[in-house]
């Protein structure tokens, strides 16, 4: 009987190790990028670009503005790499930069701060019925409209939690507030959104 315990080829062994090795954390990737590993930055970008763009788009409701701020955020992260210190999670650092870039953009463009060119999408699933797609779209529009009615600080806290997945501690760090203030803003935002959606459902 022939033994099946044959040694792996070098290529197969490397591939196997790559599959078994856990993905590096964001902070480790940023530190590798600081040391000159461009591929590490590309991994970071690929990991977070979608969520970051959604956050900015839902903050300013304008594609061009969101794209401008998006590019500015990554540009600032690249420029700040030499002074980066892993005192917080990379996502906290990234969204702090995004939060500040958004505020700076609004201050520079006050006349256009209420310009809107975004319609909320319903994230359709090909397997869903037309009735389900319609209902999902209506719910999405109700939620989006309710989000836009929130006070700016509550809206920011909600989007940082929903789109970025940040904890209350991280939201406080990003927005420069204390824990209780961030917690209160998020709680009131969720309460108002639930009430608005329930009211819209009753009227429909």
Protein backbone atom coordinates (compact mmCIF):
# COMPACT_ATOMS: atom_id res chain seq x y z
CA UNK A 1 0.00 0.00 0.00
CA UNK A 2 1.41 3.34 -1.02
CA UNK A 3 1.61 5.96 1.72
CA UNK A 4 -0.40 9.15 1.08
CA UNK A 5 1.67 11.17 3.56
CA UNK A 6 3.70 12.79 0.81
CA UNK A 7 5.49 16.08 1.46
CA UNK A 8 3.83 19.14 -0.02
CA UNK A 9 5.59 20.89 -2.86
CA UNK A 10 7.01 24.31 -2.00
CA UNK A 11 4.26 26.08 -3.95
CA UNK A 12 1.50 24.01 -2.36
CA UNK A 13 2.95 24.53 1.10
CA UNK A 14 3.03 28.29 0.66
CA UNK A 15 -0.54 28.32 -0.66
CA UNK A 16 -1.71 26.16 2.24
CA UNK A 17 0.01 28.43 4.76
CA UNK A 18 -1.59 31.49 3.16
CA UNK A 19 -5.03 29.97 3.53
CA UNK A 20 -4.46 28.95 7.14
CA UNK A 21 -2.80 32.21 8.22
CA UNK A 22 -5.30 34.70 9.68
CA UNK A 23 -5.71 38.01 7.88
CA UNK A 24 -3.48 40.70 9.39
CA UNK A 25 -5.18 43.32 11.53
CA UNK A 26 -5.62 46.86 10.22
CA UNK A 27 -3.04 48.31 12.59
CA UNK A 28 -0.45 45.76 11.49
CA UNK A 29 -1.15 46.61 7.85
CA UNK A 30 -0.76 50.33 8.53
CA UNK A 31 2.55 49.76 10.30
CA UNK A 32 3.74 47.64 7.38
CA UNK A 33 2.73 50.42 5.00
CA UNK A 34 4.74 52.90 7.08
CA UNK A 35 7.71 50.61 6.55
CA UNK A 36 7.21 50.79 2.80
CA UNK A 37 4.86 47.89 2.10
CA UNK A 38 2.53 49.38 -0.52
CA UNK A 39 0.58 46.12 -0.81
CA UNK A 40 -0.40 46.47 2.86
CA UNK A 41 -2.01 49.83 2.10
CA UNK A 42 -3.82 48.36 -0.89
CA UNK A 43 -5.26 45.70 1.42
CA UNK A 44 -6.39 48.38 3.88
CA UNK A 45 -7.99 50.37 1.09
CA UNK A 46 -9.79 47.35 -0.31
CA UNK A 47 -11.02 46.41 3.15
CA UNK A 48 -12.54 49.80 4.05
CA UNK A 49 -13.19 51.85 0.91
CA UNK A 50 -16.81 50.75 0.42
CA UNK A 51 -17.94 51.42 3.99
CA UNK A 52 -16.09 54.74 4.09
CA UNK A 53 -17.68 55.91 0.85
CA UNK A 54 -21.18 54.88 2.01
CA UNK A 55 -20.67 56.83 5.23
CA UNK A 56 -19.60 59.96 3.36
CA UNK A 57 -22.33 59.62 0.73
CA UNK A 58 -25.06 59.33 3.35
CA UNK A 59 -23.55 62.26 5.25
CA UNK A 60 -23.52 64.73 2.35
CA UNK A 61 -26.08 63.15 -0.06
CA UNK A 62 -24.11 64.19 -3.12
CA UNK A 63 -21.97 61.87 -5.25
CA UNK A 64 -19.37 64.40 -6.36
CA UNK A 65 -18.96 65.83 -2.87
CA UNK A 66 -18.69 62.37 -1.35
CA UNK A 67 -16.07 61.41 -3.92
CA UNK A 68 -14.06 64.58 -3.24
CA UNK A 69 -14.09 64.01 0.51
CA UNK A 70 -13.34 60.30 0.01
CA UNK A 71 -10.18 61.13 -1.96
CA UNK A 72 -9.20 63.76 0.59
CA UNK A 73 -9.52 61.27 3.46
CA UNK A 74 -7.22 58.71 1.86
CA UNK A 75 -4.81 61.46 0.87
CA UNK A 76 -4.61 62.66 4.48
CA UNK A 77 -4.10 59.10 5.72
CA UNK A 78 -1.20 58.68 3.30
CA UNK A 79 0.34 62.00 4.34
CA UNK A 80 -0.10 61.21 8.04
CA UNK A 81 1.54 57.79 7.87
CA UNK A 82 4.85 59.02 9.30
CA UNK A 83 3.12 60.38 12.41
CA UNK A 84 0.65 57.50 12.80
CA UNK A 85 0.72 55.81 16.20
CA UNK A 86 -1.34 52.68 16.96
CA UNK A 87 -3.01 54.20 20.04
CA UNK A 88 -6.48 53.30 18.67
CA UNK A 89 -7.96 50.99 16.06
CA UNK A 90 -7.23 51.98 12.49
CA UNK A 91 -10.95 52.40 11.79
CA UNK A 92 -11.21 54.92 14.63
CA UNK A 93 -8.29 56.85 13.12
CA UNK A 94 -9.75 56.63 9.60
CA UNK A 95 -13.24 57.82 10.55
CA UNK A 96 -11.81 60.62 12.68
CA UNK A 97 -10.05 61.84 9.54
CA UNK A 98 -13.28 61.38 7.56
CA UNK A 99 -15.35 63.22 10.17
CA UNK A 100 -12.96 66.18 10.15
CA UNK A 101 -12.73 66.24 6.35
CA UNK A 102 -16.52 66.33 6.09
CA UNK A 103 -16.77 69.22 8.56
CA UNK A 104 -14.03 71.12 6.70
CA UNK A 105 -15.83 70.52 3.40
CA UNK A 106 -19.12 71.89 4.78
CA UNK A 107 -17.35 74.98 6.12
CA UNK A 108 -15.71 75.60 2.75
CA UNK A 109 -18.92 75.04 0.79
CA UNK A 110 -21.73 76.43 2.92
CA UNK A 111 -23.72 77.57 -0.11
CA UNK A 112 -23.85 74.02 -1.48
CA UNK A 113 -24.17 72.13 1.80
CA UNK A 114 -27.86 71.28 1.14
CA UNK A 115 -27.44 70.18 -2.48
CA UNK A 116 -28.72 66.63 -2.94
CA UNK A 117 -28.36 64.34 -5.95
CA UNK A 118 -28.67 60.92 -4.29
CA UNK A 119 -31.68 58.66 -4.31
CA UNK A 120 -31.58 55.84 -1.73
CA UNK A 121 -31.30 52.45 -3.38
CA UNK A 122 -33.10 49.35 -2.19
CA UNK A 123 -30.27 46.82 -2.60
CA UNK A 124 -32.42 44.49 -4.72
CA UNK A 125 -32.06 40.73 -4.50
CA UNK A 126 -32.78 38.96 -7.83
CA UNK A 127 -34.58 36.19 -5.94
CA UNK A 128 -37.11 38.52 -4.32
CA UNK A 129 -40.62 39.10 -5.63
CA UNK A 130 -41.63 42.49 -7.09
CA UNK A 131 -43.85 43.06 -4.04
CA UNK A 132 -40.93 42.42 -1.66
CA UNK A 133 -38.64 44.68 -3.70
CA UNK A 134 -41.24 47.45 -3.62
CA UNK A 135 -41.73 47.11 0.12
CA UNK A 136 -37.98 47.08 0.71
CA UNK A 137 -37.57 50.19 -1.43
CA UNK A 138 -40.30 52.04 0.47
CA UNK A 139 -38.76 51.10 3.81
CA UNK A 140 -35.34 52.22 2.60
CA UNK A 141 -36.71 55.58 1.49
CA UNK A 142 -38.54 56.05 4.78
CA UNK A 143 -35.38 55.28 6.71
CA UNK A 144 -33.25 57.55 4.52
CA UNK A 145 -35.71 60.43 4.87
CA UNK A 146 -35.85 59.92 8.64
CA UNK A 147 -32.04 59.89 8.86
CA UNK A 148 -31.86 63.20 7.04
CA UNK A 149 -34.31 64.72 9.53
CA UNK A 150 -32.03 63.91 12.47
CA UNK A 151 -29.91 66.66 14.02
CA UNK A 152 -26.47 66.53 12.43
CA UNK A 153 -24.64 65.16 15.48
CA UNK A 154 -27.22 62.39 15.98
CA UNK A 155 -27.10 61.52 12.28
CA UNK A 156 -23.32 61.31 12.42
CA UNK A 157 -23.41 59.03 15.46
CA UNK A 158 -25.97 56.75 13.81
CA UNK A 159 -24.06 56.48 10.53
CA UNK A 160 -20.76 55.85 12.31
CA UNK A 161 -22.48 53.00 14.13
CA UNK A 162 -24.42 51.64 11.16
CA UNK A 163 -22.06 52.12 8.21
CA UNK A 164 -18.71 51.99 10.02
CA UNK A 165 -19.66 49.55 12.75
CA UNK A 166 -18.05 51.69 15.43
CA UNK A 167 -18.72 51.24 19.13
CA UNK A 168 -19.89 54.08 21.35
CA UNK A 169 -16.32 54.51 22.64
CA UNK A 170 -15.03 54.80 19.08
CA UNK A 171 -17.81 57.21 18.07
CA UNK A 172 -16.87 59.41 21.02
CA UNK A 173 -13.23 59.39 19.92
CA UNK A 174 -14.08 60.14 16.29
CA UNK A 175 -16.43 63.03 17.11
CA UNK A 176 -14.40 64.47 19.98
CA UNK A 177 -17.14 63.94 22.55
CA UNK A 178 -17.32 61.98 25.77
CA UNK A 179 -18.82 58.50 26.10
CA UNK A 180 -22.14 59.59 27.60
CA UNK A 181 -22.68 62.25 24.94
CA UNK A 182 -21.98 59.78 22.12
CA UNK A 183 -24.22 57.18 23.75
CA UNK A 184 -27.03 59.71 24.16
CA UNK A 185 -26.79 60.89 20.54
CA UNK A 186 -26.94 57.33 19.24
CA UNK A 187 -29.80 56.37 21.53
CA UNK A 188 -31.91 59.39 20.55
CA UNK A 189 -31.15 58.80 16.86
CA UNK A 190 -32.33 55.18 17.01
CA UNK A 191 -35.43 56.17 18.99
CA UNK A 192 -36.39 58.89 16.49
CA UNK A 193 -35.79 56.62 13.50
CA UNK A 194 -37.97 53.87 14.94
CA UNK A 195 -40.74 56.36 15.68
CA UNK A 196 -40.52 57.89 12.20
CA UNK A 197 -40.65 54.52 10.43
CA UNK A 198 -43.54 53.31 12.60
CA UNK A 199 -45.47 56.53 11.89
CA UNK A 200 -44.84 56.24 8.15
CA UNK A 201 -45.99 52.62 8.19
CA UNK A 202 -49.24 53.58 9.92
CA UNK A 203 -49.93 56.29 7.35
CA UNK A 204 -49.26 54.07 4.34
